[in-house]
Amino acid sequence: MYQPFWGEASAKIGLLYTAASLTEIPVFLFSGYIIRKFGYVKILTAVSLAGALRWYVLSLEPSFEILMANQMLSGLTYALFLSAGVNYAYDNSSDRAKTTAHSLFVVVYTNVAGIVASNIGGWVVERGGYSLLFQGAAVMSLLGAAGFASLGRVKRREGRLKV
């Protein structure tokens, strides 16, 4: 049964969302510069590691103050990942497939991943609670970081990495 949040809890949730959104704005604005300076693979690897940290902190069920500090990672873990991912897909596609690659990345990242994660997440929460859910997300982020780092090594070896 749905019960709305009222009072202090609702205000705190609103502050957490506001903090996350405010950190994303400058990252979106400067993402092009950041990506050009460090390259796609380094950015994608770093934001995946930041995501692992963010999820792990959530698994500890910290105080509101720690949650607020943790929200500062949202600019990296959401805005920079989205910017780098979209641009990586676009820049590493043939001229005929650029729009398709861009769209496919966005659809998978924002829709497919959300649907799959929601269903699996509900099952995990029922069996092990939110702490287990966030620990699992941290592990998945670490696996993503390892995957991006491996991608960078393969692309560098092949001489095909577009930065």
Protein backbone atom coordinates (compact mmCIF):
# COMPACT_ATOMS: atom_id res chain seq x y z
CA MET A 1 0.00 0.00 0.00
CA TYR A 2 1.29 3.46 -0.89
CA GLN A 3 1.77 5.87 1.98
CA PRO A 4 3.00 9.35 1.13
CA PHE A 5 5.96 10.85 2.95
CA TRP A 6 5.17 13.98 4.91
CA GLY A 7 7.20 16.32 7.01
CA GLU A 8 10.89 16.00 7.74
CA ALA A 9 11.53 12.81 5.74
CA SER A 10 9.99 14.32 2.63
CA ALA A 11 12.00 17.52 3.00
CA LYS A 12 15.23 15.54 3.39
CA ILE A 13 14.51 13.46 0.30
CA GLY A 14 13.87 16.68 -1.61
CA LEU A 15 17.18 18.12 -0.42
CA LEU A 16 19.02 14.98 -1.52
CA TYR A 17 17.52 15.19 -5.02
CA THR A 18 18.27 18.91 -5.20
CA ALA A 19 21.90 18.38 -4.19
CA ALA A 20 22.32 15.68 -6.83
CA SER A 21 20.77 17.85 -9.54
CA LEU A 22 22.90 20.85 -8.65
CA THR A 23 26.10 18.81 -8.98
CA GLU A 24 25.04 17.57 -12.40
CA ILE A 25 24.57 21.00 -14.00
CA PRO A 26 28.23 22.11 -14.01
CA VAL A 27 29.36 18.62 -15.01
CA PHE A 28 27.04 18.65 -18.03
CA LEU A 29 28.28 22.14 -18.92
CA PHE A 30 31.97 21.19 -18.77
CA SER A 31 31.70 17.55 -19.85
CA GLY A 32 33.07 18.22 -23.33
CA TYR A 33 36.22 19.77 -21.90
CA ILE A 34 36.63 16.99 -19.32
CA ILE A 35 36.17 14.26 -21.94
CA ARG A 36 38.66 15.88 -24.33
CA LYS A 37 41.20 16.28 -21.52
CA PHE A 38 41.04 12.72 -20.16
CA GLY A 39 39.46 10.60 -22.90
CA TYR A 40 36.42 8.37 -22.94
CA VAL A 41 37.85 5.23 -21.41
CA LYS A 42 39.49 6.96 -18.47
CA ILE A 43 36.30 8.91 -17.79
CA LEU A 44 34.05 5.85 -18.05
CA THR A 45 36.38 3.85 -15.81
CA ALA A 46 36.63 6.65 -13.23
CA VAL A 47 32.89 7.32 -13.08
CA SER A 48 32.24 3.60 -12.66
CA LEU A 49 34.64 3.57 -9.70
CA ALA A 50 32.91 6.66 -8.29
CA GLY A 51 29.61 4.84 -8.73
CA ALA A 52 30.93 1.86 -6.79
CA LEU A 53 31.90 4.18 -3.95
CA ARG A 54 28.52 5.90 -4.06
CA TRP A 55 26.60 2.61 -3.92
CA TYR A 56 28.84 1.21 -1.18
CA VAL A 57 28.29 4.28 1.01
CA LEU A 58 24.54 3.83 0.56
CA SER A 59 24.85 0.19 1.64
CA LEU A 60 26.17 1.37 5.01
CA GLU A 61 22.86 3.15 5.72
CA PRO A 62 24.65 6.37 6.69
CA SER A 63 23.37 9.49 8.41
CA PHE A 64 21.65 12.23 6.44
CA GLU A 65 24.83 14.32 6.44
CA ILE A 66 26.81 11.48 4.85
CA LEU A 67 24.00 10.91 2.35
CA MET A 68 24.16 14.59 1.40
CA ALA A 69 27.92 14.40 0.84
CA ASN A 70 27.44 11.18 -1.14
CA GLN A 71 24.98 12.97 -3.43
CA MET A 72 27.84 15.18 -4.59
CA LEU A 73 29.06 12.19 -6.60
CA SER A 74 25.92 12.35 -8.73
CA GLY A 75 27.50 14.85 -11.08
CA LEU A 76 30.17 12.30 -11.89
CA THR A 77 28.19 9.10 -11.71
CA TYR A 78 25.24 10.31 -13.76
CA ALA A 79 26.06 13.43 -15.77
CA LEU A 80 29.61 12.58 -16.77
CA PHE A 81 28.78 8.93 -17.46
CA LEU A 82 25.85 9.92 -19.68
CA SER A 83 27.89 12.54 -21.54
CA ALA A 84 30.89 10.28 -22.06
CA GLY A 85 28.76 7.28 -23.01
CA VAL A 86 26.67 9.13 -25.59
CA ASN A 87 29.72 10.75 -27.15
CA TYR A 88 31.74 7.53 -27.11
CA ALA A 89 28.96 5.68 -28.92
CA TYR A 90 28.66 8.49 -31.46
CA ASP A 91 32.37 9.00 -32.09
CA ASN A 92 33.17 5.30 -32.38
CA SER A 93 30.44 4.54 -34.92
CA SER A 94 30.51 4.69 -38.68
CA ASP A 95 29.03 7.81 -40.26
CA ARG A 96 25.93 5.86 -41.23
CA ALA A 97 25.37 4.48 -37.71
CA LYS A 98 26.12 7.52 -35.51
CA THR A 99 22.52 8.41 -34.73
CA THR A 100 21.62 4.78 -34.16
CA ALA A 101 24.56 4.26 -31.80
CA HIS A 102 23.69 7.41 -29.86
CA SER A 103 20.03 6.40 -29.58
CA LEU A 104 20.84 2.81 -28.66
CA PHE A 105 23.10 3.95 -25.83
CA VAL A 106 20.42 6.24 -24.42
CA VAL A 107 17.68 3.60 -24.71
CA VAL A 108 19.77 0.92 -23.00
CA TYR A 109 21.10 3.26 -20.30
CA THR A 110 17.84 4.99 -19.42
CA ASN A 111 15.16 2.41 -20.23
CA VAL A 112 16.35 -1.17 -20.47
CA ALA A 113 18.74 -0.86 -17.53
CA GLY A 114 16.04 0.77 -15.41
CA ILE A 115 13.48 -1.92 -16.15
CA VAL A 116 15.89 -4.77 -15.49
CA ALA A 117 17.35 -3.14 -12.38
CA SER A 118 13.90 -2.38 -10.95
CA ASN A 119 12.77 -5.97 -11.26
CA ILE A 120 15.97 -7.54 -9.99
CA GLY A 121 16.29 -4.85 -7.31
CA GLY A 122 12.84 -5.59 -5.92
CA TRP A 123 13.69 -9.26 -5.66
CA VAL A 124 17.01 -8.49 -3.92
CA VAL A 125 15.38 -6.07 -1.45
CA GLU A 126 12.75 -8.66 -0.52
CA ARG A 127 15.42 -11.26 0.21
CA GLY A 128 18.30 -9.25 1.64
CA GLY A 129 17.28 -5.64 2.17
CA TYR A 130 18.55 -2.38 0.77
CA SER A 131 22.07 -2.86 2.08
CA LEU A 132 22.48 -5.97 -0.08
CA LEU A 133 20.96 -4.15 -3.05
CA PHE A 134 23.47 -1.31 -2.81
CA GLN A 135 26.37 -3.71 -2.23
CA GLY A 136 25.36 -5.52 -5.40
CA ALA A 137 25.23 -2.22 -7.28
CA ALA A 138 28.73 -1.40 -6.03
CA VAL A 139 30.01 -4.74 -7.33
CA MET A 140 28.32 -4.16 -10.69
CA SER A 141 29.97 -0.74 -10.91
CA LEU A 142 33.36 -2.29 -10.16
CA LEU A 143 32.75 -4.83 -12.92
CA GLY A 144 31.84 -1.97 -15.25
CA ALA A 145 35.07 -0.16 -14.37
CA ALA A 146 37.05 -3.31 -15.10
CA GLY A 147 35.22 -3.68 -18.40
CA PHE A 148 35.94 -0.11 -19.45
CA ALA A 149 39.60 -0.43 -18.45
CA SER A 150 39.84 -3.63 -20.52
CA LEU A 151 38.16 -1.90 -23.45
CA GLY A 152 40.78 0.82 -23.28
CA ARG A 153 43.63 -1.70 -23.35
CA VAL A 154 42.14 -3.55 -26.32
CA LYS A 155 41.42 -0.37 -28.29
CA ARG A 156 44.89 1.05 -27.58
CA ARG A 157 46.50 -2.20 -28.69
CA GLU A 158 44.48 -2.09 -31.90
CA GLY A 159 45.19 1.62 -32.32
CA ARG A 160 41.47 2.32 -32.73
CA LEU A 161 40.66 4.36 -29.65
CA LYS A 162 39.07 7.69 -30.47
CA VAL A 163 39.55 10.18 -27.68
